[in-house]
Amino acid sequence: MKTHLWSAILPVLGLGSALPAQAAEAQLDITLPDIQGARVKRPYVAVWLEKAGSREFAGNIAVWYDMRKPNNVGATKWLPDMRSWWKVSGSTASFPIDGVSGATRPAGDHQINLAASEALKKLVPGSYEVVVEVAREHGGHELLRLPMQWPPRSATKAEAKGDEEIGLVRLSTKP
């Protein structure tokens, strides 16, 4: 009963437009390919948001790096290899980034609930890009961009495929 009452009151108070962003769903699926070799390490991954068109940094979603180093010494050594992310955010960040940093992931499929991220919760409505950058010690480097409208007006899907370091990346959003 209370939910019904609030759904009638919020639009009258001018707060109804805040509801879709809070209720909206956004998921990012990232496939990290299985690359074989004696020197192959798990890749470092950065996921962040930029305003579409201007490419202005809008927030970090995830940064996966080798957090197993004792006292974090040397753990961030390879982060500058994710050059685009390093320029817009990494070089000024304090590590670990609360709610963003995480350990490297093995080859396979990985999901990120974007709607649960602090960065998405702070977004003003508009057009954005979800940027995924991957760099590997003694390996390659790749960057993919997927368009995203926030909050979503309808269910949308976007996908991109990397050539070597990133497999398929899918973004799905729902109001």
N, C-alpha and C. Protein backbone atom coordinates (compact mmCIF):
# COMPACT_ATOMS: atom_id res chain seq x y z
N MET A 1 0.82 -1.18 0.00
CA MET A 1 0.00 0.00 0.00
C MET A 1 0.87 1.25 0.00
N LYS A 2 1.93 1.27 0.78
CA LYS A 2 2.82 2.43 0.83
C LYS A 2 3.48 2.68 -0.52
N THR A 3 3.89 1.62 -1.20
CA THR A 3 4.52 1.76 -2.50
C THR A 3 3.56 2.43 -3.48
N HIS A 4 2.31 2.01 -3.48
CA HIS A 4 1.33 2.61 -4.37
C HIS A 4 1.12 4.09 -4.04
N LEU A 5 1.06 4.42 -2.77
CA LEU A 5 0.88 5.80 -2.35
C LEU A 5 2.04 6.66 -2.82
N TRP A 6 3.28 6.17 -2.63
CA TRP A 6 4.45 6.95 -3.05
C TRP A 6 4.51 7.09 -4.57
N SER A 7 4.10 6.07 -5.30
CA SER A 7 4.14 6.19 -6.76
C SER A 7 3.15 7.24 -7.25
N ALA A 8 2.14 7.54 -6.46
CA ALA A 8 1.19 8.60 -6.83
C ALA A 8 1.69 9.96 -6.37
N ILE A 9 2.43 10.01 -5.26
CA ILE A 9 2.87 11.29 -4.70
C ILE A 9 4.14 11.82 -5.36
N LEU A 10 5.10 10.95 -5.68
CA LEU A 10 6.39 11.40 -6.21
C LEU A 10 6.27 12.23 -7.49
N PRO A 11 5.45 11.83 -8.47
CA PRO A 11 5.33 12.67 -9.66
C PRO A 11 4.77 14.05 -9.34
N VAL A 12 3.86 14.13 -8.39
CA VAL A 12 3.27 15.42 -8.00
C VAL A 12 4.34 16.31 -7.39
N LEU A 13 5.26 15.71 -6.64
CA LEU A 13 6.34 16.47 -6.01
C LEU A 13 7.48 16.77 -6.98
N GLY A 14 7.39 16.25 -8.19
CA GLY A 14 8.45 16.47 -9.17
C GLY A 14 9.60 15.50 -9.01
N LEU A 15 9.41 14.43 -8.25
CA LEU A 15 10.47 13.47 -8.01
C LEU A 15 10.32 12.21 -8.84
N GLY A 16 9.31 12.11 -9.63
CA GLY A 16 9.06 10.92 -10.43
C GLY A 16 10.16 10.63 -11.43
N SER A 17 10.84 11.67 -11.93
CA SER A 17 11.90 11.44 -12.91
C SER A 17 13.11 10.76 -12.29
N ALA A 18 13.24 10.80 -10.97
CA ALA A 18 14.38 10.13 -10.33
C ALA A 18 14.17 8.63 -10.25
N LEU A 19 12.93 8.17 -10.32
CA LEU A 19 12.66 6.75 -10.16
C LEU A 19 13.26 5.87 -11.25
N PRO A 20 13.18 6.21 -12.55
CA PRO A 20 13.72 5.30 -13.55
C PRO A 20 15.21 5.03 -13.38
N ALA A 21 16.01 6.04 -13.03
CA ALA A 21 17.44 5.82 -12.87
C ALA A 21 17.71 4.89 -11.70
N GLN A 22 16.93 5.00 -10.64
CA GLN A 22 17.15 4.14 -9.49
C GLN A 22 16.70 2.72 -9.78
N ALA A 23 15.66 2.56 -10.54
CA ALA A 23 15.12 1.23 -10.83
C ALA A 23 15.77 0.62 -12.07
N ALA A 24 16.47 1.41 -12.84
CA ALA A 24 17.04 0.93 -14.09
C ALA A 24 18.09 -0.15 -13.86
N GLU A 25 18.24 -1.00 -14.85
CA GLU A 25 19.22 -2.07 -14.81
C GLU A 25 20.27 -1.85 -15.89
N ALA A 26 21.50 -2.20 -15.57
CA ALA A 26 22.59 -2.13 -16.55
C ALA A 26 23.61 -3.20 -16.20
N GLN A 27 23.91 -4.05 -17.16
CA GLN A 27 24.89 -5.11 -16.93
C GLN A 27 25.90 -5.12 -18.06
N LEU A 28 27.15 -5.33 -17.68
CA LEU A 28 28.24 -5.43 -18.63
C LEU A 28 28.82 -6.84 -18.52
N ASP A 29 28.87 -7.55 -19.64
CA ASP A 29 29.47 -8.88 -19.70
C ASP A 29 30.77 -8.77 -20.48
N ILE A 30 31.85 -9.21 -19.87
CA ILE A 30 33.18 -9.14 -20.49
C ILE A 30 33.74 -10.55 -20.60
N THR A 31 34.19 -10.91 -21.79
CA THR A 31 34.87 -12.18 -21.98
C THR A 31 36.36 -11.92 -22.15
N LEU A 32 37.15 -12.53 -21.27
CA LEU A 32 38.60 -12.46 -21.39
C LEU A 32 39.05 -13.77 -22.04
N PRO A 33 39.70 -13.68 -23.21
CA PRO A 33 40.08 -14.90 -23.92
C PRO A 33 41.20 -15.66 -23.21
N ASP A 34 41.25 -16.95 -23.47
CA ASP A 34 42.29 -17.81 -22.93
C ASP A 34 43.49 -17.72 -23.86
N ILE A 35 44.51 -17.02 -23.42
CA ILE A 35 45.72 -16.84 -24.22
C ILE A 35 46.80 -17.74 -23.61
N GLN A 36 47.40 -18.58 -24.42
CA GLN A 36 48.40 -19.54 -23.94
C GLN A 36 49.81 -18.98 -24.13
N GLY A 37 50.70 -19.39 -23.26
CA GLY A 37 52.11 -19.01 -23.38
C GLY A 37 52.77 -19.06 -22.02
N ALA A 38 54.09 -19.20 -22.04
CA ALA A 38 54.84 -19.33 -20.80
C ALA A 38 54.80 -18.06 -19.96
N ARG A 39 54.77 -16.89 -20.60
CA ARG A 39 54.83 -15.64 -19.86
C ARG A 39 53.47 -14.96 -19.70
N VAL A 40 52.40 -15.66 -20.05
CA VAL A 40 51.07 -15.05 -20.01
C VAL A 40 50.61 -14.87 -18.57
N LYS A 41 50.22 -13.66 -18.26
CA LYS A 41 49.68 -13.31 -16.95
C LYS A 41 48.22 -12.91 -17.12
N ARG A 42 47.49 -12.87 -16.02
CA ARG A 42 46.11 -12.35 -16.08
C ARG A 42 46.15 -10.88 -16.46
N PRO A 43 45.19 -10.44 -17.27
CA PRO A 43 45.21 -9.05 -17.72
C PRO A 43 44.73 -8.08 -16.65
N TYR A 44 45.21 -6.85 -16.76
CA TYR A 44 44.68 -5.75 -15.98
C TYR A 44 43.52 -5.19 -16.80
N VAL A 45 42.43 -4.82 -16.12
CA VAL A 45 41.23 -4.35 -16.80
C VAL A 45 40.74 -3.09 -16.12
N ALA A 46 40.38 -2.09 -16.91
CA ALA A 46 39.74 -0.88 -16.39
C ALA A 46 38.44 -0.67 -17.15
N VAL A 47 37.39 -0.34 -16.41
CA VAL A 47 36.08 -0.04 -17.00
C VAL A 47 35.66 1.30 -16.41
N TRP A 48 35.31 2.25 -17.28
CA TRP A 48 34.89 3.56 -16.81
C TRP A 48 33.86 4.16 -17.75
N LEU A 49 33.30 5.28 -17.33
CA LEU A 49 32.29 5.98 -18.11
C LEU A 49 32.83 7.31 -18.61
N GLU A 50 32.44 7.66 -19.83
CA GLU A 50 32.76 8.97 -20.40
C GLU A 50 31.49 9.54 -21.03
N LYS A 51 31.39 10.86 -21.02
CA LYS A 51 30.28 11.50 -21.73
C LYS A 51 30.49 11.30 -23.21
N ALA A 52 29.43 10.91 -23.90
CA ALA A 52 29.52 10.68 -25.35
C ALA A 52 29.86 11.99 -26.04
N GLY A 53 30.67 11.91 -27.05
CA GLY A 53 31.04 13.10 -27.82
C GLY A 53 32.24 13.81 -27.24
N SER A 54 32.15 14.25 -26.00
CA SER A 54 33.25 15.01 -25.39
C SER A 54 34.32 14.12 -24.79
N ARG A 55 33.98 12.88 -24.53
CA ARG A 55 34.87 11.91 -23.88
C ARG A 55 35.36 12.41 -22.52
N GLU A 56 34.55 13.20 -21.88
CA GLU A 56 34.86 13.68 -20.53
C GLU A 56 34.63 12.55 -19.53
N PHE A 57 35.60 12.32 -18.65
CA PHE A 57 35.52 11.26 -17.65
C PHE A 57 34.30 11.46 -16.78
N ALA A 58 33.53 10.37 -16.57
CA ALA A 58 32.31 10.46 -15.76
C ALA A 58 32.31 9.51 -14.56
N GLY A 59 33.31 8.64 -14.44
CA GLY A 59 33.38 7.78 -13.27
C GLY A 59 33.98 6.41 -13.55
N ASN A 60 34.65 5.86 -12.54
CA ASN A 60 35.22 4.52 -12.62
C ASN A 60 34.18 3.48 -12.25
N ILE A 61 34.20 2.38 -12.97
CA ILE A 61 33.32 1.24 -12.69
C ILE A 61 34.12 0.11 -12.05
N ALA A 62 35.24 -0.27 -12.66
CA ALA A 62 36.05 -1.38 -12.15
C ALA A 62 37.50 -1.20 -12.59
N VAL A 63 38.41 -1.59 -11.72
CA VAL A 63 39.83 -1.66 -12.06
C VAL A 63 40.34 -2.96 -11.44
N TRP A 64 40.68 -3.89 -12.30
CA TRP A 64 41.16 -5.20 -11.85
C TRP A 64 42.67 -5.26 -12.06
N TYR A 65 43.40 -5.45 -10.97
CA TYR A 65 44.86 -5.54 -11.05
C TYR A 65 45.37 -6.50 -9.99
N ASP A 66 46.67 -6.76 -9.98
CA ASP A 66 47.26 -7.74 -9.07
C ASP A 66 47.32 -7.16 -7.66
N MET A 67 46.28 -7.43 -6.89
CA MET A 67 46.18 -6.88 -5.53
C MET A 67 46.81 -7.82 -4.50
N ARG A 68 47.40 -8.93 -4.94
CA ARG A 68 47.98 -9.91 -4.01
C ARG A 68 49.35 -9.50 -3.50
N LYS A 69 49.93 -8.46 -4.05
CA LYS A 69 51.26 -8.03 -3.64
C LYS A 69 51.24 -7.61 -2.16
N PRO A 70 52.23 -8.00 -1.38
CA PRO A 70 52.27 -7.61 0.03
C PRO A 70 52.25 -6.09 0.20
N ASN A 71 51.36 -5.61 1.03
CA ASN A 71 51.22 -4.17 1.30
C ASN A 71 51.00 -3.34 0.04
N ASN A 72 50.50 -3.97 -1.01
CA ASN A 72 50.20 -3.30 -2.28
C ASN A 72 51.46 -2.79 -2.99
N VAL A 73 52.66 -3.20 -2.52
CA VAL A 73 53.91 -2.75 -3.13
C VAL A 73 54.05 -3.38 -4.51
N GLY A 74 54.19 -2.57 -5.51
CA GLY A 74 54.34 -3.04 -6.87
C GLY A 74 53.05 -3.47 -7.54
N ALA A 75 51.95 -3.47 -6.80
CA ALA A 75 50.68 -3.94 -7.35
C ALA A 75 50.19 -3.06 -8.50
N THR A 76 50.51 -1.81 -8.45
CA THR A 76 50.00 -0.87 -9.47
C THR A 76 51.01 -0.64 -10.60
N LYS A 77 52.08 -1.39 -10.61
CA LYS A 77 53.16 -1.18 -11.60
C LYS A 77 52.68 -1.16 -13.05
N TRP A 78 51.76 -2.04 -13.39
CA TRP A 78 51.34 -2.18 -14.78
C TRP A 78 50.09 -1.37 -15.11
N LEU A 79 49.50 -0.69 -14.14
CA LEU A 79 48.29 0.10 -14.42
C LEU A 79 48.51 1.18 -15.48
N PRO A 80 49.66 1.85 -15.53
CA PRO A 80 49.85 2.85 -16.60
C PRO A 80 49.82 2.27 -18.01
N ASP A 81 49.93 0.92 -18.14
CA ASP A 81 49.83 0.31 -19.46
C ASP A 81 48.42 0.43 -20.03
N MET A 82 47.44 0.68 -19.16
CA MET A 82 46.09 0.99 -19.65
C MET A 82 46.08 2.51 -19.86
N ARG A 83 46.70 2.90 -20.96
CA ARG A 83 47.04 4.30 -21.22
C ARG A 83 45.86 5.26 -21.20
N SER A 84 44.77 4.89 -21.83
CA SER A 84 43.62 5.80 -21.90
C SER A 84 43.02 6.03 -20.52
N TRP A 85 42.81 4.94 -19.76
CA TRP A 85 42.26 5.08 -18.42
C TRP A 85 43.24 5.83 -17.52
N TRP A 86 44.53 5.54 -17.65
CA TRP A 86 45.54 6.19 -16.82
C TRP A 86 45.50 7.71 -17.02
N LYS A 87 45.31 8.16 -18.25
CA LYS A 87 45.26 9.60 -18.54
C LYS A 87 44.05 10.28 -17.91
N VAL A 88 42.90 9.62 -17.96
CA VAL A 88 41.67 10.28 -17.48
C VAL A 88 41.41 10.09 -16.00
N SER A 89 41.99 9.05 -15.38
CA SER A 89 41.66 8.80 -13.97
C SER A 89 42.79 8.18 -13.16
N GLY A 90 43.44 7.19 -13.70
CA GLY A 90 44.39 6.39 -12.93
C GLY A 90 45.55 7.14 -12.34
N SER A 91 46.10 8.10 -13.08
CA SER A 91 47.29 8.81 -12.60
C SER A 91 47.01 9.66 -11.37
N THR A 92 45.76 9.99 -11.11
CA THR A 92 45.42 10.81 -9.94
C THR A 92 44.71 10.02 -8.85
N ALA A 93 44.51 8.74 -9.07
CA ALA A 93 43.75 7.91 -8.11
C ALA A 93 44.64 7.43 -6.97
N SER A 94 44.00 7.18 -5.83
CA SER A 94 44.66 6.54 -4.70
C SER A 94 44.19 5.09 -4.68
N PHE A 95 45.14 4.17 -4.58
CA PHE A 95 44.81 2.76 -4.68
C PHE A 95 44.87 2.09 -3.32
N PRO A 96 44.00 1.12 -3.09
CA PRO A 96 42.91 0.68 -3.96
C PRO A 96 41.78 1.71 -3.97
N ILE A 97 41.06 1.77 -5.08
CA ILE A 97 39.92 2.67 -5.22
C ILE A 97 38.72 1.99 -4.59
N ASP A 98 38.18 2.60 -3.55
CA ASP A 98 37.08 2.02 -2.79
C ASP A 98 35.88 1.70 -3.69
N GLY A 99 35.44 0.46 -3.64
CA GLY A 99 34.27 0.04 -4.40
C GLY A 99 34.53 -0.19 -5.88
N VAL A 100 35.78 -0.01 -6.32
CA VAL A 100 36.12 -0.12 -7.74
C VAL A 100 37.22 -1.16 -7.96
N SER A 101 38.27 -1.12 -7.14
CA SER A 101 39.41 -2.01 -7.31
C SER A 101 39.03 -3.46 -7.02
N GLY A 102 39.66 -4.34 -7.76
CA GLY A 102 39.45 -5.76 -7.55
C GLY A 102 40.62 -6.54 -8.12
N ALA A 103 40.69 -7.80 -7.78
CA ALA A 103 41.77 -8.66 -8.26
C ALA A 103 41.59 -8.97 -9.74
N THR A 104 42.69 -9.31 -10.39
CA THR A 104 42.63 -9.73 -11.79
C THR A 104 41.73 -10.95 -11.90
N ARG A 105 41.20 -11.17 -13.09
CA ARG A 105 40.28 -12.29 -13.33
C ARG A 105 40.91 -13.25 -14.33
N PRO A 106 40.59 -14.54 -14.23
CA PRO A 106 41.09 -15.50 -15.20
C PRO A 106 40.32 -15.39 -16.52
N ALA A 107 40.79 -16.12 -17.50
CA ALA A 107 40.07 -16.19 -18.78
C ALA A 107 38.66 -16.68 -18.51
N GLY A 108 37.71 -16.15 -19.28
CA GLY A 108 36.32 -16.57 -19.13
C GLY A 108 35.38 -15.39 -19.16
N ASP A 109 34.13 -15.66 -18.78
CA ASP A 109 33.08 -14.64 -18.81
C ASP A 109 32.93 -14.01 -17.43
N HIS A 110 32.81 -12.69 -17.41
CA HIS A 110 32.69 -11.94 -16.16
C HIS A 110 31.58 -10.91 -16.30
N GLN A 111 30.80 -10.73 -15.24
CA GLN A 111 29.68 -9.79 -15.26
C GLN A 111 29.92 -8.66 -14.25
N ILE A 112 29.51 -7.47 -14.65
CA ILE A 112 29.55 -6.31 -13.77
C ILE A 112 28.15 -5.71 -13.75
N ASN A 113 27.58 -5.57 -12.57
CA ASN A 113 26.29 -4.91 -12.42
C ASN A 113 26.56 -3.41 -12.36
N LEU A 114 26.46 -2.76 -13.49
CA LEU A 114 26.76 -1.32 -13.57
C LEU A 114 25.82 -0.50 -12.70
N ALA A 115 24.56 -0.89 -12.64
CA ALA A 115 23.58 -0.11 -11.89
C ALA A 115 23.92 -0.03 -10.41
N ALA A 116 24.71 -0.98 -9.90
CA ALA A 116 25.09 -0.97 -8.49
C ALA A 116 26.31 -0.09 -8.23
N SER A 117 26.97 0.39 -9.29
CA SER A 117 28.19 1.18 -9.10
C SER A 117 27.87 2.60 -8.66
N GLU A 118 28.75 3.14 -7.85
CA GLU A 118 28.59 4.53 -7.39
C GLU A 118 28.64 5.50 -8.56
N ALA A 119 29.45 5.20 -9.56
CA ALA A 119 29.58 6.10 -10.72
C ALA A 119 28.24 6.26 -11.43
N LEU A 120 27.51 5.18 -11.64
CA LEU A 120 26.23 5.26 -12.32
C LEU A 120 25.19 5.96 -11.47
N LYS A 121 25.24 5.75 -10.17
CA LYS A 121 24.29 6.39 -9.27
C LYS A 121 24.42 7.91 -9.30
N LYS A 122 25.59 8.42 -9.66
CA LYS A 122 25.84 9.86 -9.66
C LYS A 122 25.64 10.51 -11.03
N LEU A 123 25.36 9.72 -12.06
CA LEU A 123 25.24 10.26 -13.42
C LEU A 123 24.02 11.14 -13.58
N VAL A 124 24.19 12.24 -14.30
CA VAL A 124 23.04 13.03 -14.72
C VAL A 124 22.53 12.38 -16.01
N PRO A 125 21.26 12.49 -16.30
CA PRO A 125 20.75 11.88 -17.53
C PRO A 125 21.50 12.36 -18.77
N GLY A 126 21.77 11.43 -19.66
CA GLY A 126 22.47 11.80 -20.89
C GLY A 126 23.05 10.61 -21.62
N SER A 127 23.85 10.91 -22.64
CA SER A 127 24.50 9.90 -23.46
C SER A 127 25.93 9.69 -22.98
N TYR A 128 26.28 8.43 -22.83
CA TYR A 128 27.60 8.08 -22.30
C TYR A 128 28.21 6.97 -23.13
N GLU A 129 29.47 6.68 -22.84
CA GLU A 129 30.13 5.49 -23.37
C GLU A 129 30.70 4.71 -22.20
N VAL A 130 30.52 3.40 -22.24
CA VAL A 130 31.19 2.51 -21.31
C VAL A 130 32.48 2.12 -22.01
N VAL A 131 33.62 2.36 -21.37
CA VAL A 131 34.91 2.09 -21.97
C VAL A 131 35.56 0.94 -21.22
N VAL A 132 36.05 -0.04 -21.97
CA VAL A 132 36.73 -1.20 -21.41
C VAL A 132 38.14 -1.23 -22.01
N GLU A 133 39.14 -1.19 -21.13
CA GLU A 133 40.53 -1.24 -21.58
C GLU A 133 41.22 -2.40 -20.88
N VAL A 134 42.00 -3.16 -21.65
CA VAL A 134 42.71 -4.32 -21.12
C VAL A 134 44.18 -4.23 -21.54
N ALA A 135 45.06 -4.47 -20.58
CA ALA A 135 46.49 -4.54 -20.86
C ALA A 135 47.06 -5.72 -20.10
N ARG A 136 48.03 -6.35 -20.70
CA ARG A 136 48.61 -7.55 -20.09
C ARG A 136 50.12 -7.37 -20.02
N GLU A 137 50.69 -7.69 -18.84
CA GLU A 137 52.14 -7.68 -18.68
C GLU A 137 52.74 -8.63 -19.72
N HIS A 138 53.71 -8.14 -20.47
CA HIS A 138 54.34 -8.90 -21.55
C HIS A 138 53.32 -9.32 -22.60
N GLY A 139 52.27 -8.53 -22.77
CA GLY A 139 51.22 -8.88 -23.73
C GLY A 139 50.71 -7.66 -24.46
N GLY A 140 49.49 -7.76 -24.91
CA GLY A 140 48.90 -6.72 -25.73
C GLY A 140 48.06 -5.72 -24.94
N HIS A 141 47.40 -4.87 -25.71
CA HIS A 141 46.58 -3.80 -25.16
C HIS A 141 45.40 -3.60 -26.10
N GLU A 142 44.19 -3.43 -25.53
CA GLU A 142 43.01 -3.17 -26.35
C GLU A 142 42.04 -2.28 -25.60
N LEU A 143 41.23 -1.56 -26.36
CA LEU A 143 40.21 -0.67 -25.80
C LEU A 143 38.95 -0.76 -26.65
N LEU A 144 37.80 -0.90 -25.98
CA LEU A 144 36.50 -0.93 -26.66
C LEU A 144 35.57 0.09 -26.03
N ARG A 145 34.67 0.65 -26.84
CA ARG A 145 33.67 1.62 -26.36
C ARG A 145 32.29 1.14 -26.75
N LEU A 146 31.35 1.24 -25.78
CA LEU A 146 29.96 0.88 -26.06
C LEU A 146 29.07 2.05 -25.67
N PRO A 147 28.13 2.43 -26.55
CA PRO A 147 27.23 3.56 -26.23
C PRO A 147 26.20 3.17 -25.18
N MET A 148 25.85 4.17 -24.35
CA MET A 148 24.85 3.92 -23.31
C MET A 148 24.08 5.20 -23.03
N GLN A 149 22.77 5.10 -23.00
CA GLN A 149 21.89 6.19 -22.59
C GLN A 149 21.53 5.96 -21.13
N TRP A 150 21.70 7.00 -20.29
CA TRP A 150 21.35 6.83 -18.87
C TRP A 150 20.48 7.96 -18.39
N PRO A 151 19.36 7.68 -17.78
CA PRO A 151 18.77 6.36 -17.62
C PRO A 151 18.23 5.86 -18.95
N PRO A 152 18.14 4.55 -19.11
CA PRO A 152 17.64 4.02 -20.38
C PRO A 152 16.16 4.31 -20.56
N ARG A 153 15.79 4.63 -21.79
CA ARG A 153 14.38 4.88 -22.11
C ARG A 153 13.67 3.60 -22.52
N SER A 154 14.46 2.64 -23.00
CA SER A 154 13.92 1.34 -23.40
C SER A 154 15.05 0.32 -23.23
N ALA A 155 14.70 -0.95 -23.34
CA ALA A 155 15.72 -2.00 -23.24
C ALA A 155 16.66 -1.89 -24.44
N THR A 156 17.95 -1.86 -24.16
CA THR A 156 18.94 -1.75 -25.23
C THR A 156 20.06 -2.74 -25.01
N LYS A 157 20.72 -3.08 -26.12
CA LYS A 157 21.90 -3.94 -26.07
C LYS A 157 22.94 -3.37 -27.02
N ALA A 158 24.18 -3.43 -26.59
CA ALA A 158 25.30 -3.03 -27.44
C ALA A 158 26.40 -4.06 -27.22
N GLU A 159 27.17 -4.31 -28.25
CA GLU A 159 28.27 -5.24 -28.09
C GLU A 159 29.42 -4.86 -29.00
N ALA A 160 30.61 -5.28 -28.59
CA ALA A 160 31.82 -5.06 -29.37
C ALA A 160 32.74 -6.24 -29.11
N LYS A 161 33.61 -6.52 -30.06
CA LYS A 161 34.53 -7.65 -29.91
C LYS A 161 35.94 -7.17 -30.16
N GLY A 162 36.82 -7.56 -29.25
CA GLY A 162 38.22 -7.22 -29.41
C GLY A 162 38.92 -8.18 -30.36
N ASP A 163 40.17 -7.87 -30.64
CA ASP A 163 40.95 -8.70 -31.57
C ASP A 163 41.80 -9.74 -30.86
N GLU A 164 42.31 -9.40 -29.66
CA GLU A 164 43.23 -10.30 -28.99
C GLU A 164 43.03 -10.35 -27.48
N GLU A 165 43.11 -9.22 -26.82
CA GLU A 165 43.08 -9.17 -25.36
C GLU A 165 41.68 -9.17 -24.77
N ILE A 166 40.70 -8.74 -25.56
CA ILE A 166 39.31 -8.71 -25.10
C ILE A 166 38.49 -9.56 -26.05
N GLY A 167 37.66 -10.40 -25.49
CA GLY A 167 36.72 -11.16 -26.31
C GLY A 167 35.49 -10.31 -26.55
N LEU A 168 34.34 -10.90 -26.44
CA LEU A 168 33.08 -10.19 -26.64
C LEU A 168 32.72 -9.40 -25.39
N VAL A 169 32.28 -8.16 -25.58
CA VAL A 169 31.80 -7.31 -24.49
C VAL A 169 30.37 -6.94 -24.84
N ARG A 170 29.45 -7.21 -23.90
CA ARG A 170 28.02 -6.91 -24.11
C ARG A 170 27.54 -5.98 -23.01
N LEU A 171 26.76 -4.99 -23.40
CA LEU A 171 26.13 -4.08 -22.47
C LEU A 171 24.62 -4.18 -22.67
N SER A 172 23.89 -4.41 -21.59
CA SER A 172 22.44 -4.43 -21.70
C SER A 172 21.87 -3.52 -20.62
N THR A 173 20.86 -2.74 -21.01
CA THR A 173 20.22 -1.82 -20.08
C THR A 173 18.70 -1.97 -20.20
N LYS A 174 18.01 -1.71 -19.10
CA LYS A 174 16.54 -1.73 -19.06
C LYS A 174 16.06 -0.63 -18.14
N PRO A 175 14.95 0.02 -18.50
CA PRO A 175 14.41 1.05 -17.60
C PRO A 175 13.88 0.44 -16.31
